[in-house]
């Protein structure tokens, strides 16, 4: 399955890496590794994420929370491709990313 980041989600991802690395050395790398693992799971098991309501039927948006860090990847599936719409912190601005889908 082809997976890409929405441009704003890519910025969020990089900003989270930088922020976490500044907070504690090595956390940026750990975050990257966890995101990679979650994206791998999303590619292989797209229905394992919790379905996010409120989107057209042709786009299946799922939430994939990270286990160690307080972030959730919002991934939309359409056919054989997937788009990461947000790398969303779990305690900030819920649903801010929904207009990206």
Protein backbone atom coordinates (compact mmCIF):
# COMPACT_ATOMS: atom_id res chain seq x y z
CA UNK A 1 0.00 0.00 0.00
CA UNK A 2 1.29 3.44 -0.94
CA UNK A 3 1.41 5.84 2.01
CA UNK A 4 2.15 9.55 1.98
CA UNK A 5 1.97 12.46 4.41
CA UNK A 6 -0.28 15.46 3.92
CA UNK A 7 2.13 18.45 3.76
CA UNK A 8 0.88 19.86 7.08
CA UNK A 9 1.13 16.44 8.73
CA UNK A 10 4.75 16.21 7.55
CA UNK A 11 5.45 19.54 9.26
CA UNK A 12 3.78 18.30 12.46
CA UNK A 13 5.87 15.14 12.33
CA UNK A 14 9.17 17.01 11.97
CA UNK A 15 8.19 19.55 14.65
CA UNK A 16 7.34 16.73 17.07
CA UNK A 17 10.72 15.08 16.44
CA UNK A 18 12.57 18.34 17.08
CA UNK A 19 10.50 19.17 20.17
CA UNK A 20 10.94 15.73 21.73
CA UNK A 21 14.66 15.65 20.99
CA UNK A 22 15.07 19.05 22.66
CA UNK A 23 13.22 17.79 25.73
CA UNK A 24 15.39 14.70 26.08
CA UNK A 25 18.22 13.36 23.96
CA UNK A 26 17.18 10.29 22.01
CA UNK A 27 13.43 10.92 22.24
CA UNK A 28 13.27 12.21 18.67
CA UNK A 29 14.68 8.91 17.39
CA UNK A 30 12.39 6.89 19.63
CA UNK A 31 9.42 8.87 18.33
CA UNK A 32 10.47 8.25 14.71
CA UNK A 33 10.81 4.53 15.41
CA UNK A 34 7.39 4.35 17.01
CA UNK A 35 5.76 6.29 14.15
CA UNK A 36 7.41 3.90 11.66
CA UNK A 37 6.07 0.89 13.56
CA UNK A 38 2.54 2.33 13.72
CA UNK A 39 2.60 3.22 10.01
CA UNK A 40 3.76 -0.31 9.21
CA UNK A 41 0.82 -1.66 11.21
CA UNK A 42 -1.55 0.76 9.42
CA UNK A 43 -0.28 -0.44 6.02
CA UNK A 44 -0.73 -4.11 6.86
CA UNK A 45 -3.82 -3.86 9.07
CA UNK A 46 -5.68 -0.69 8.06
CA UNK A 47 -8.82 -1.61 9.96
CA UNK A 48 -6.92 -1.98 13.23
CA UNK A 49 -7.25 1.76 13.85
CA UNK A 50 -10.39 3.24 15.35
CA UNK A 51 -12.68 4.60 12.65
CA UNK A 52 -13.14 8.38 12.76
CA UNK A 53 -16.73 9.41 11.92
CA UNK A 54 -17.80 12.32 9.77
CA UNK A 55 -16.08 11.63 6.44
CA UNK A 56 -17.45 10.68 3.01
CA UNK A 57 -17.90 6.94 2.55
CA UNK A 58 -15.10 6.71 -0.05
CA UNK A 59 -12.51 7.81 2.53
CA UNK A 60 -12.00 5.56 5.54
CA UNK A 61 -10.22 7.64 8.20
CA UNK A 62 -8.67 5.77 11.12
CA UNK A 63 -6.91 6.84 14.31
CA UNK A 64 -3.69 5.05 15.26
CA UNK A 65 -2.48 6.12 18.71
CA UNK A 66 1.17 5.76 19.59
CA UNK A 67 1.88 3.72 22.69
CA UNK A 68 4.77 5.62 24.25
CA UNK A 69 4.18 9.18 23.08
CA UNK A 70 0.96 11.21 23.37
CA UNK A 71 0.33 11.42 19.65
CA UNK A 72 -2.15 9.83 17.30
CA UNK A 73 -1.70 9.34 13.57
CA UNK A 74 -4.84 10.16 11.61
CA UNK A 75 -4.71 8.09 8.44
CA UNK A 76 -7.17 8.09 5.55
CA UNK A 77 -7.47 5.05 3.29
CA UNK A 78 -8.82 5.25 -0.23
CA UNK A 79 -8.36 2.31 -2.58
CA UNK A 80 -4.75 1.14 -2.43
CA UNK A 81 -3.33 4.37 -1.01
CA UNK A 82 -3.20 5.98 2.41
CA UNK A 83 -2.63 9.54 3.57
CA UNK A 84 -1.44 10.60 7.01
CA UNK A 85 -3.63 13.64 7.62
CA UNK A 86 -2.25 14.52 11.04
CA UNK A 87 0.34 13.71 13.65
CA UNK A 88 -1.91 14.99 16.40
CA UNK A 89 -1.00 15.50 20.04
CA UNK A 90 -3.66 13.78 22.12
CA UNK A 91 -4.13 16.69 24.54
CA UNK A 92 -4.32 19.59 22.08
CA UNK A 93 -6.94 20.95 19.65
CA UNK A 94 -9.11 17.93 18.84
CA UNK A 95 -10.37 17.69 15.25
CA UNK A 96 -8.28 20.63 13.98
CA UNK A 97 -7.04 18.48 11.10
CA UNK A 98 -10.41 17.31 9.72
CA UNK A 99 -10.51 19.82 6.86
CA UNK A 100 -7.40 18.15 5.40
CA UNK A 101 -9.27 15.00 4.42
